Amino acid sequence: MQAHLDGRLRLHWSAQVQVLSDPPEKAAPVASLQHSEHWLMHSLLPLLTQAREEALLNSPYFVPGTALSTMLGDKVAAGVALVHAGYARAVPALDG
């Protein structure tokens, strides 16, 4: 960070990277009453479906539901790279 602030490190921009997120309102108590077309999955699913070699996801909060887990498993079976790290050691403990 200091190198960036000092001007020694420049930002690198890429047209191949997209930042996607849910709106903060998704956490509202009435989220189930909201229109979900702006939620992350509506942007993420088409990108994952189109992936032919790899899909890189970086999120501290990524918790796929059943349908997304199945789709990601299908991608792995098709040879599309899927890597999880960081939390991987905790998965057995999370399973109960």
PDB file of N, CA and C in Angstrom:
ATOM      1  N   MET A   1       0.820  -1.172   0.000  1.00  0.00           N
ATOM      2  CA  MET A   1       0.000   0.000   0.000  1.00  0.00           C
ATOM      3  C   MET A   1       0.871   1.245   0.000  1.00  0.00           C
ATOM      4  N   GLN A   2       1.923   1.203   0.802  1.00  0.00           N
ATOM      5  CA  GLN A   2       2.786   2.372   0.871  1.00  0.00           C
ATOM      6  C   GLN A   2       3.446   2.641  -0.478  1.00  0.00           C
ATOM      7  N   ALA A   3       3.849   1.583  -1.199  1.00  0.00           N
ATOM      8  CA  ALA A   3       4.453   1.762  -2.520  1.00  0.00           C
ATOM      9  C   ALA A   3       3.464   2.419  -3.473  1.00  0.00           C
ATOM     10  N   HIS A   4       2.217   2.052  -3.368  1.00  0.00           N
ATOM     11  CA  HIS A   4       1.186   2.681  -4.213  1.00  0.00           C
ATOM     12  C   HIS A   4       1.022   4.151  -3.828  1.00  0.00           C
ATOM     13  N   LEU A   5       0.944   4.426  -2.545  1.00  0.00           N
ATOM     14  CA  LEU A   5       0.771   5.804  -2.087  1.00  0.00           C
ATOM     15  C   LEU A   5       1.969   6.675  -2.446  1.00  0.00           C
ATOM     16  N   ASP A   6       3.156   6.075  -2.461  1.00  0.00           N
ATOM     17  CA  ASP A   6       4.370   6.817  -2.812  1.00  0.00           C
ATOM     18  C   ASP A   6       4.544   6.986  -4.319  1.00  0.00           C
ATOM     19  N   GLY A   7       3.697   6.325  -5.124  1.00  0.00           N
ATOM     20  CA  GLY A   7       3.819   6.423  -6.575  1.00  0.00           C
ATOM     21  C   GLY A   7       4.800   5.431  -7.172  1.00  0.00           C
ATOM     22  N   ARG A   8       5.345   4.526  -6.374  1.00  0.00           N
ATOM     23  CA  ARG A   8       6.288   3.524  -6.875  1.00  0.00           C
ATOM     24  C   ARG A   8       5.574   2.321  -7.482  1.00  0.00           C
ATOM     25  N   LEU A   9       4.330   2.155  -7.177  1.00  0.00           N
ATOM     26  CA  LEU A   9       3.553   1.023  -7.672  1.00  0.00           C
ATOM     27  C   LEU A   9       2.328   1.566  -8.387  1.00  0.00           C
ATOM     28  N   ARG A  10       2.179   1.198  -9.633  1.00  0.00           N
ATOM     29  CA  ARG A  10       1.050   1.684 -10.424  1.00  0.00           C
ATOM     30  C   ARG A  10      -0.042   0.624 -10.508  1.00  0.00           C
ATOM     31  N   LEU A  11      -1.254   1.062 -10.647  1.00  0.00           N
ATOM     32  CA  LEU A  11      -2.374   0.141 -10.831  1.00  0.00           C
ATOM     33  C   LEU A  11      -2.319  -0.459 -12.231  1.00  0.00           C
ATOM     34  N   HIS A  12      -2.737  -1.695 -12.346  1.00  0.00           N
ATOM     35  CA  HIS A  12      -2.820  -2.365 -13.638  1.00  0.00           C
ATOM     36  C   HIS A  12      -4.286  -2.668 -13.908  1.00  0.00           C
ATOM     37  N   TRP A  13      -4.784  -2.227 -15.030  1.00  0.00           N
ATOM     38  CA  TRP A  13      -6.182  -2.426 -15.386  1.00  0.00           C
ATOM     39  C   TRP A  13      -6.284  -3.554 -16.397  1.00  0.00           C
ATOM     40  N   SER A  14      -7.364  -4.282 -16.350  1.00  0.00           N
ATOM     41  CA  SER A  14      -7.574  -5.390 -17.265  1.00  0.00           C
ATOM     42  C   SER A  14      -9.037  -5.448 -17.669  1.00  0.00           C
ATOM     43  N   ALA A  15      -9.252  -5.597 -18.960  1.00  0.00           N
ATOM     44  CA  ALA A  15     -10.627  -5.750 -19.459  1.00  0.00           C
ATOM     45  C   ALA A  15     -11.138  -7.166 -19.217  1.00  0.00           C
ATOM     46  N   GLN A  16     -10.254  -8.062 -18.782  1.00  0.00           N
ATOM     47  CA  GLN A  16     -10.632  -9.459 -18.567  1.00  0.00           C
ATOM     48  C   GLN A  16     -11.114  -9.742 -17.148  1.00  0.00           C
ATOM     49  N   VAL A  17     -11.094  -8.739 -16.294  1.00  0.00           N
ATOM     50  CA  VAL A  17     -11.510  -8.925 -14.904  1.00  0.00           C
ATOM     51  C   VAL A  17     -12.771  -8.116 -14.656  1.00  0.00           C
ATOM     52  N   GLN A  18     -13.725  -8.742 -14.018  1.00  0.00           N
ATOM     53  CA  GLN A  18     -14.954  -8.054 -13.656  1.00  0.00           C
ATOM     54  C   GLN A  18     -15.153  -8.168 -12.149  1.00  0.00           C
ATOM     55  N   VAL A  19     -15.584  -7.093 -11.542  1.00  0.00           N
ATOM     56  CA  VAL A  19     -15.924  -7.113 -10.126  1.00  0.00           C
ATOM     57  C   VAL A  19     -17.444  -7.166 -10.032  1.00  0.00           C
ATOM     58  N   LEU A  20     -17.945  -8.207  -9.418  1.00  0.00           N
ATOM     59  CA  LEU A  20     -19.387  -8.405  -9.270  1.00  0.00           C
ATOM     60  C   LEU A  20     -19.714  -8.482  -7.788  1.00  0.00           C
ATOM     61  N   SER A  21     -20.868  -7.971  -7.425  1.00  0.00           N
ATOM     62  CA  SER A  21     -21.276  -8.058  -6.020  1.00  0.00           C
ATOM     63  C   SER A  21     -22.785  -7.928  -5.907  1.00  0.00           C
ATOM     64  N   ASP A  22     -23.289  -8.365  -4.777  1.00  0.00           N
ATOM     65  CA  ASP A  22     -24.688  -8.141  -4.448  1.00  0.00           C
ATOM     66  C   ASP A  22     -24.844  -6.725  -3.919  1.00  0.00           C
ATOM     67  N   PRO A  23     -26.015  -6.141  -4.074  1.00  0.00           N
ATOM     68  CA  PRO A  23     -26.246  -4.829  -3.462  1.00  0.00           C
ATOM     69  C   PRO A  23     -26.383  -4.997  -1.952  1.00  0.00           C
ATOM     70  N   PRO A  24     -26.022  -3.995  -1.182  1.00  0.00           N
ATOM     71  CA  PRO A  24     -26.156  -4.094   0.280  1.00  0.00           C
ATOM     72  C   PRO A  24     -27.580  -4.410   0.725  1.00  0.00           C
ATOM     73  N   GLU A  25     -28.557  -3.997  -0.059  1.00  0.00           N
ATOM     74  CA  GLU A  25     -29.963  -4.217   0.307  1.00  0.00           C
ATOM     75  C   GLU A  25     -30.319  -5.699   0.396  1.00  0.00           C
ATOM     76  N   LYS A  26     -29.495  -6.570  -0.196  1.00  0.00           N
ATOM     77  CA  LYS A  26     -29.797  -7.997  -0.144  1.00  0.00           C
ATOM     78  C   LYS A  26     -29.819  -8.508   1.289  1.00  0.00           C
ATOM     79  N   ALA A  27     -29.092  -7.849   2.179  1.00  0.00           N
ATOM     80  CA  ALA A  27     -29.043  -8.264   3.580  1.00  0.00           C
ATOM     81  C   ALA A  27     -30.195  -7.712   4.409  1.00  0.00           C
ATOM     82  N   ALA A  28     -31.045  -6.915   3.792  1.00  0.00           N
ATOM     83  CA  ALA A  28     -32.164  -6.315   4.526  1.00  0.00           C
ATOM     84  C   ALA A  28     -33.155  -7.390   4.959  1.00  0.00           C
ATOM     85  N   PRO A  29     -33.836  -7.160   6.061  1.00  0.00           N
ATOM     86  CA  PRO A  29     -34.827  -8.143   6.540  1.00  0.00           C
ATOM     87  C   PRO A  29     -35.914  -8.452   5.512  1.00  0.00           C
ATOM     88  N   VAL A  30     -36.182  -7.538   4.602  1.00  0.00           N
ATOM     89  CA  VAL A  30     -37.234  -7.759   3.606  1.00  0.00           C
ATOM     90  C   VAL A  30     -36.640  -8.144   2.246  1.00  0.00           C
ATOM     91  N   ALA A  31     -35.422  -8.684   2.241  1.00  0.00           N
ATOM     92  CA  ALA A  31     -34.744  -9.016   0.994  1.00  0.00           C
ATOM     93  C   ALA A  31     -35.569  -9.965   0.129  1.00  0.00           C
ATOM     94  N   SER A  32     -36.296 -10.867   0.748  1.00  0.00           N
ATOM     95  CA  SER A  32     -37.086 -11.827  -0.035  1.00  0.00           C
ATOM     96  C   SER A  32     -38.189 -11.147  -0.824  1.00  0.00           C
ATOM     97  N   LEU A  33     -38.538  -9.919  -0.465  1.00  0.00           N
ATOM     98  CA  LEU A  33     -39.570  -9.179  -1.180  1.00  0.00           C
ATOM     99  C   LEU A  33     -38.999  -8.332  -2.323  1.00  0.00           C
ATOM    100  N   GLN A  34     -37.676  -8.269  -2.416  1.00  0.00           N
ATOM    101  CA  GLN A  34     -37.022  -7.440  -3.426  1.00  0.00           C
ATOM    102  C   GLN A  34     -36.935  -8.162  -4.760  1.00  0.00           C
ATOM    103  N   HIS A  35     -36.799  -7.382  -5.817  1.00  0.00           N
ATOM    104  CA  HIS A  35     -36.519  -7.950  -7.135  1.00  0.00           C
ATOM    105  C   HIS A  35     -35.055  -8.349  -7.148  1.00  0.00           C
ATOM    106  N   SER A  36     -34.766  -9.559  -7.571  1.00  0.00           N
ATOM    107  CA  SER A  36     -33.402 -10.076  -7.460  1.00  0.00           C
ATOM    108  C   SER A  36     -32.596  -9.959  -8.748  1.00  0.00           C
ATOM    109  N   GLU A  37     -33.112  -9.297  -9.765  1.00  0.00           N
ATOM    110  CA  GLU A  37     -32.387  -9.252 -11.044  1.00  0.00           C
ATOM    111  C   GLU A  37     -31.036  -8.543 -10.964  1.00  0.00           C
ATOM    112  N   HIS A  38     -30.788  -7.781  -9.917  1.00  0.00           N
ATOM    113  CA  HIS A  38     -29.500  -7.107  -9.766  1.00  0.00           C
ATOM    114  C   HIS A  38     -28.575  -7.843  -8.794  1.00  0.00           C
ATOM    115  N   TRP A  39     -28.982  -9.008  -8.360  1.00  0.00           N
ATOM    116  CA  TRP A  39     -28.158  -9.770  -7.428  1.00  0.00           C
ATOM    117  C   TRP A  39     -27.045 -10.482  -8.174  1.00  0.00           C
ATOM    118  N   LEU A  40     -26.012 -10.816  -7.457  1.00  0.00           N
ATOM    119  CA  LEU A  40     -24.797 -11.394  -8.008  1.00  0.00           C
ATOM    120  C   LEU A  40     -25.043 -12.595  -8.914  1.00  0.00           C
ATOM    121  N   MET A  41     -25.875 -13.506  -8.518  1.00  0.00           N
ATOM    122  CA  MET A  41     -26.040 -14.743  -9.281  1.00  0.00           C
ATOM    123  C   MET A  41     -26.549 -14.501 -10.689  1.00  0.00           C
ATOM    124  N   HIS A  42     -27.299 -13.427 -10.905  1.00  0.00           N
ATOM    125  CA  HIS A  42     -27.789 -13.140 -12.255  1.00  0.00           C
ATOM    126  C   HIS A  42     -26.659 -12.702 -13.176  1.00  0.00           C
ATOM    127  N   SER A  43     -25.585 -12.178 -12.611  1.00  0.00           N
ATOM    128  CA  SER A  43     -24.408 -11.812 -13.395  1.00  0.00           C
ATOM    129  C   SER A  43     -23.399 -12.955 -13.450  1.00  0.00           C
ATOM    130  N   LEU A  44     -23.289 -13.693 -12.368  1.00  0.00           N
ATOM    131  CA  LEU A  44     -22.266 -14.720 -12.246  1.00  0.00           C
ATOM    132  C   LEU A  44     -22.604 -15.996 -13.019  1.00  0.00           C
ATOM    133  N   LEU A  45     -23.822 -16.454 -12.959  1.00  0.00           N
ATOM    134  CA  LEU A  45     -24.182 -17.718 -13.606  1.00  0.00           C
ATOM    135  C   LEU A  45     -23.885 -17.741 -15.104  1.00  0.00           C
ATOM    136  N   PRO A  46     -24.239 -16.706 -15.875  1.00  0.00           N
ATOM    137  CA  PRO A  46     -23.902 -16.754 -17.305  1.00  0.00           C
ATOM    138  C   PRO A  46     -22.395 -16.829 -17.544  1.00  0.00           C
ATOM    139  N   LEU A  47     -21.611 -16.144 -16.738  1.00  0.00           N
ATOM    140  CA  LEU A  47     -20.159 -16.186 -16.900  1.00  0.00           C
ATOM    141  C   LEU A  47     -19.612 -17.580 -16.586  1.00  0.00           C
ATOM    142  N   LEU A  48     -20.097 -18.185 -15.510  1.00  0.00           N
ATOM    143  CA  LEU A  48     -19.648 -19.527 -15.163  1.00  0.00           C
ATOM    144  C   LEU A  48     -20.089 -20.548 -16.208  1.00  0.00           C
ATOM    145  N   THR A  49     -21.282 -20.394 -16.709  1.00  0.00           N
ATOM    146  CA  THR A  49     -21.796 -21.306 -17.729  1.00  0.00           C
ATOM    147  C   THR A  49     -20.943 -21.260 -18.986  1.00  0.00           C
ATOM    148  N   GLN A  50     -20.442 -20.079 -19.341  1.00  0.00           N
ATOM    149  CA  GLN A  50     -19.636 -19.902 -20.552  1.00  0.00           C
ATOM    150  C   GLN A  50     -18.179 -20.312 -20.368  1.00  0.00           C
ATOM    151  N   ALA A  51     -17.717 -20.504 -19.140  1.00  0.00           N
ATOM    152  CA  ALA A  51     -16.309 -20.819 -18.884  1.00  0.00           C
ATOM    153  C   ALA A  51     -15.917 -22.118 -19.576  1.00  0.00           C
ATOM    154  N   ARG A  52     -14.816 -22.082 -20.311  1.00  0.00           N
ATOM    155  CA  ARG A  52     -14.340 -23.265 -21.038  1.00  0.00           C
ATOM    156  C   ARG A  52     -13.022 -23.790 -20.494  1.00  0.00           C
ATOM    157  N   GLU A  53     -12.232 -22.929 -19.849  1.00  0.00           N
ATOM    158  CA  GLU A  53     -10.940 -23.365 -19.324  1.00  0.00           C
ATOM    159  C   GLU A  53     -10.825 -23.148 -17.820  1.00  0.00           C
ATOM    160  N   GLU A  54     -11.190 -21.954 -17.360  1.00  0.00           N
ATOM    161  CA  GLU A  54     -11.111 -21.689 -15.933  1.00  0.00           C
ATOM    162  C   GLU A  54     -12.054 -20.560 -15.560  1.00  0.00           C
ATOM    163  N   ALA A  55     -12.437 -20.561 -14.315  1.00  0.00           N
ATOM    164  CA  ALA A  55     -13.230 -19.484 -13.741  1.00  0.00           C
ATOM    165  C   ALA A  55     -12.602 -19.174 -12.400  1.00  0.00           C
ATOM    166  N   LEU A  56     -12.131 -17.960 -12.233  1.00  0.00           N
ATOM    167  CA  LEU A  56     -11.460 -17.567 -10.999  1.00  0.00           C
ATOM    168  C   LEU A  56     -12.408 -16.722 -10.170  1.00  0.00           C
ATOM    169  N   LEU A  57     -12.755 -17.209  -9.012  1.00  0.00           N
ATOM    170  CA  LEU A  57     -13.641 -16.500  -8.101  1.00  0.00           C
ATOM    171  C   LEU A  57     -12.869 -16.207  -6.828  1.00  0.00           C
ATOM    172  N   ASN A  58     -12.975 -15.005  -6.354  1.00  0.00           N
ATOM    173  CA  ASN A  58     -12.280 -14.629  -5.127  1.00  0.00           C
ATOM    174  C   ASN A  58     -13.287 -13.927  -4.233  1.00  0.00           C
ATOM    175  N   SER A  59     -13.654 -14.597  -3.162  1.00  0.00           N
ATOM    176  CA  SER A  59     -14.647 -14.025  -2.257  1.00  0.00           C
ATOM    177  C   SER A  59     -14.513 -14.656  -0.875  1.00  0.00           C
ATOM    178  N   PRO A  60     -14.511 -13.841   0.163  1.00  0.00           N
ATOM    179  CA  PRO A  60     -14.502 -14.416   1.507  1.00  0.00           C
ATOM    180  C   PRO A  60     -15.879 -14.923   1.929  1.00  0.00           C
ATOM    181  N   TYR A  61     -16.895 -14.662   1.128  1.00  0.00           N
ATOM    182  CA  TYR A  61     -18.264 -14.997   1.512  1.00  0.00           C
ATOM    183  C   TYR A  61     -18.945 -15.938   0.537  1.00  0.00           C
ATOM    184  N   PHE A  62     -18.209 -16.593  -0.326  1.00  0.00           N
ATOM    185  CA  PHE A  62     -18.807 -17.436  -1.355  1.00  0.00           C
ATOM    186  C   PHE A  62     -19.351 -18.708  -0.735  1.00  0.00           C
ATOM    187  N   VAL A  63     -20.664 -18.837  -0.739  1.00  0.00           N
ATOM    188  CA  VAL A  63     -21.334 -20.023  -0.202  1.00  0.00           C
ATOM    189  C   VAL A  63     -22.345 -20.472  -1.251  1.00  0.00           C
ATOM    190  N   PRO A  64     -21.942 -21.381  -2.135  1.00  0.00           N
ATOM    191  CA  PRO A  64     -22.852 -21.798  -3.196  1.00  0.00           C
ATOM    192  C   PRO A  64     -23.983 -22.671  -2.664  1.00  0.00           C
ATOM    193  N   GLY A  65     -25.156 -22.469  -3.215  1.00  0.00           N
ATOM    194  CA  GLY A  65     -26.287 -23.325  -2.888  1.00  0.00           C
ATOM    195  C   GLY A  65     -26.203 -24.625  -3.664  1.00  0.00           C
ATOM    196  N   THR A  66     -27.225 -25.440  -3.555  1.00  0.00           N
ATOM    197  CA  THR A  66     -27.232 -26.758  -4.185  1.00  0.00           C
ATOM    198  C   THR A  66     -27.098 -26.670  -5.699  1.00  0.00           C
ATOM    199  N   ALA A  67     -27.900 -25.816  -6.330  1.00  0.00           N
ATOM    200  CA  ALA A  67     -27.878 -25.720  -7.791  1.00  0.00           C
ATOM    201  C   ALA A  67     -26.517 -25.246  -8.297  1.00  0.00           C
ATOM    202  N   LEU A  68     -25.952 -24.236  -7.656  1.00  0.00           N
ATOM    203  CA  LEU A  68     -24.653 -23.732  -8.090  1.00  0.00           C
ATOM    204  C   LEU A  68     -23.561 -24.761  -7.824  1.00  0.00           C
ATOM    205  N   SER A  69     -23.629 -25.463  -6.703  1.00  0.00           N
ATOM    206  CA  SER A  69     -22.651 -26.514  -6.416  1.00  0.00           C
ATOM    207  C   SER A  69     -22.687 -27.593  -7.486  1.00  0.00           C
ATOM    208  N   THR A  70     -23.878 -27.975  -7.910  1.00  0.00           N
ATOM    209  CA  THR A  70     -24.031 -28.975  -8.972  1.00  0.00           C
ATOM    210  C   THR A  70     -23.429 -28.469 -10.269  1.00  0.00           C
ATOM    211  N   MET A  71     -23.722 -27.223 -10.620  1.00  0.00           N
ATOM    212  CA  MET A  71     -23.195 -26.647 -11.857  1.00  0.00           C
ATOM    213  C   MET A  71     -21.677 -26.569 -11.815  1.00  0.00           C
ATOM    214  N   LEU A  72     -21.107 -26.185 -10.666  1.00  0.00           N
ATOM    215  CA  LEU A  72     -19.654 -26.125 -10.538  1.00  0.00           C
ATOM    216  C   LEU A  72     -19.049 -27.521 -10.645  1.00  0.00           C
ATOM    217  N   GLY A  73     -19.712 -28.519 -10.081  1.00  0.00           N
ATOM    218  CA  GLY A  73     -19.257 -29.901 -10.219  1.00  0.00           C
ATOM    219  C   GLY A  73     -19.257 -30.350 -11.667  1.00  0.00           C
ATOM    220  N   ASP A  74     -20.274 -29.944 -12.419  1.00  0.00           N
ATOM    221  CA  ASP A  74     -20.333 -30.262 -13.847  1.00  0.00           C
ATOM    222  C   ASP A  74     -19.177 -29.615 -14.599  1.00  0.00           C
ATOM    223  N   LYS A  75     -18.816 -28.399 -14.200  1.00  0.00           N
ATOM    224  CA  LYS A  75     -17.688 -27.706 -14.840  1.00  0.00           C
ATOM    225  C   LYS A  75     -16.386 -28.453 -14.570  1.00  0.00           C
ATOM    226  N   VAL A  76     -16.206 -28.917 -13.339  1.00  0.00           N
ATOM    227  CA  VAL A  76     -15.000 -29.685 -13.008  1.00  0.00           C
ATOM    228  C   VAL A  76     -14.955 -30.947 -13.856  1.00  0.00           C
ATOM    229  N   ALA A  77     -16.084 -31.637 -13.979  1.00  0.00           N
ATOM    230  CA  ALA A  77     -16.141 -32.860 -14.774  1.00  0.00           C
ATOM    231  C   ALA A  77     -15.818 -32.586 -16.245  1.00  0.00           C
ATOM    232  N   ALA A  78     -16.117 -31.366 -16.711  1.00  0.00           N
ATOM    233  CA  ALA A  78     -15.841 -30.987 -18.100  1.00  0.00           C
ATOM    234  C   ALA A  78     -14.409 -30.487 -18.284  1.00  0.00           C
ATOM    235  N   GLY A  79     -13.629 -30.476 -17.196  1.00  0.00           N
ATOM    236  CA  GLY A  79     -12.239 -30.062 -17.304  1.00  0.00           C
ATOM    237  C   GLY A  79     -11.980 -28.597 -17.048  1.00  0.00           C
ATOM    238  N   VAL A  80     -12.988 -27.873 -16.610  1.00  0.00           N
ATOM    239  CA  VAL A  80     -12.800 -26.465 -16.262  1.00  0.00           C
ATOM    240  C   VAL A  80     -12.234 -26.419 -14.853  1.00  0.00           C
ATOM    241  N   ALA A  81     -11.140 -25.683 -14.682  1.00  0.00           N
ATOM    242  CA  ALA A  81     -10.462 -25.643 -13.384  1.00  0.00           C
ATOM    243  C   ALA A  81     -11.339 -25.021 -12.315  1.00  0.00           C
ATOM    244  N   LEU A  82     -11.374 -25.655 -11.176  1.00  0.00           N
ATOM    245  CA  LEU A  82     -12.057 -25.123 -10.013  1.00  0.00           C
ATOM    246  C   LEU A  82     -11.130 -25.342  -8.821  1.00  0.00           C
ATOM    247  N   VAL A  83     -10.736 -24.273  -8.193  1.00  0.00           N
ATOM    248  CA  VAL A  83      -9.797 -24.365  -7.081  1.00  0.00           C
ATOM    249  C   VAL A  83     -10.404 -23.661  -5.884  1.00  0.00           C
ATOM    250  N   HIS A  84     -10.372 -24.309  -4.750  1.00  0.00           N
ATOM    251  CA  HIS A  84     -10.769 -23.638  -3.518  1.00  0.00           C
ATOM    252  C   HIS A  84      -9.586 -23.703  -2.577  1.00  0.00           C
ATOM    253  N   ALA A  85      -9.412 -22.650  -1.856  1.00  0.00           N
ATOM    254  CA  ALA A  85      -8.282 -22.574  -0.931  1.00  0.00           C
ATOM    255  C   ALA A  85      -8.711 -21.788   0.293  1.00  0.00           C
ATOM    256  N   GLY A  86      -7.839 -21.667   1.220  1.00  0.00           N
ATOM    257  CA  GLY A  86      -8.144 -20.877   2.403  1.00  0.00           C
ATOM    258  C   GLY A  86      -9.081 -21.605   3.338  1.00  0.00           C
ATOM    259  N   TYR A  87     -10.302 -21.805   2.929  1.00  0.00           N
ATOM    260  CA  TYR A  87     -11.288 -22.445   3.786  1.00  0.00           C
ATOM    261  C   TYR A  87     -11.313 -23.960   3.608  1.00  0.00           C
ATOM    262  N   ALA A  88     -10.551 -24.501   2.655  1.00  0.00           N
ATOM    263  CA  ALA A  88     -10.640 -25.917   2.306  1.00  0.00           C
ATOM    264  C   ALA A  88     -10.430 -26.835   3.512  1.00  0.00           C
ATOM    265  N   ARG A  89      -9.519 -26.472   4.397  1.00  0.00           N
ATOM    266  CA  ARG A  89      -9.270 -27.312   5.568  1.00  0.00           C
ATOM    267  C   ARG A  89     -10.447 -27.308   6.526  1.00  0.00           C
ATOM    268  N   ALA A  90     -11.277 -26.279   6.467  1.00  0.00           N
ATOM    269  CA  ALA A  90     -12.412 -26.175   7.392  1.00  0.00           C
ATOM    270  C   ALA A  90     -13.643 -26.922   6.891  1.00  0.00           C
ATOM    271  N   VAL A  91     -13.661 -27.335   5.640  1.00  0.00           N
ATOM    272  CA  VAL A  91     -14.855 -27.948   5.066  1.00  0.00           C
ATOM    273  C   VAL A  91     -15.303 -29.186   5.834  1.00  0.00           C
ATOM    274  N   PRO A  92     -14.414 -30.132   6.170  1.00  0.00           N
ATOM    275  CA  PRO A  92     -14.901 -31.280   6.952  1.00  0.00           C
ATOM    276  C   PRO A  92     -15.541 -30.877   8.276  1.00  0.00           C
ATOM    277  N   ALA A  93     -14.988 -29.883   8.937  1.00  0.00           N
ATOM    278  CA  ALA A  93     -15.567 -29.423  10.201  1.00  0.00           C
ATOM    279  C   ALA A  93     -16.918 -28.762   9.976  1.00  0.00           C
ATOM    280  N   LEU A  94     -17.082 -28.122   8.835  1.00  0.00           N
ATOM    281  CA  LEU A  94     -18.349 -27.460   8.536  1.00  0.00           C
ATOM    282  C   LEU A  94     -19.426 -28.460   8.190  1.00  0.00           C
ATOM    283  N   ASP A  95     -19.027 -29.624   7.678  1.00  0.00           N
ATOM    284  CA  ASP A  95     -19.998 -30.655   7.327  1.00  0.00           C
ATOM    285  C   ASP A  95     -20.602 -31.329   8.557  1.00  0.00           C
ATOM    286  N   GLY A  96     -20.005 -31.120   9.704  1.00  0.00           N
ATOM    287  CA  GLY A  96     -20.564 -31.676  10.931  1.00  0.00           C
ATOM    288  C   GLY A  96     -19.855 -32.870  11.330  1.00  0.00           C
TER     289      GLY A  96
END
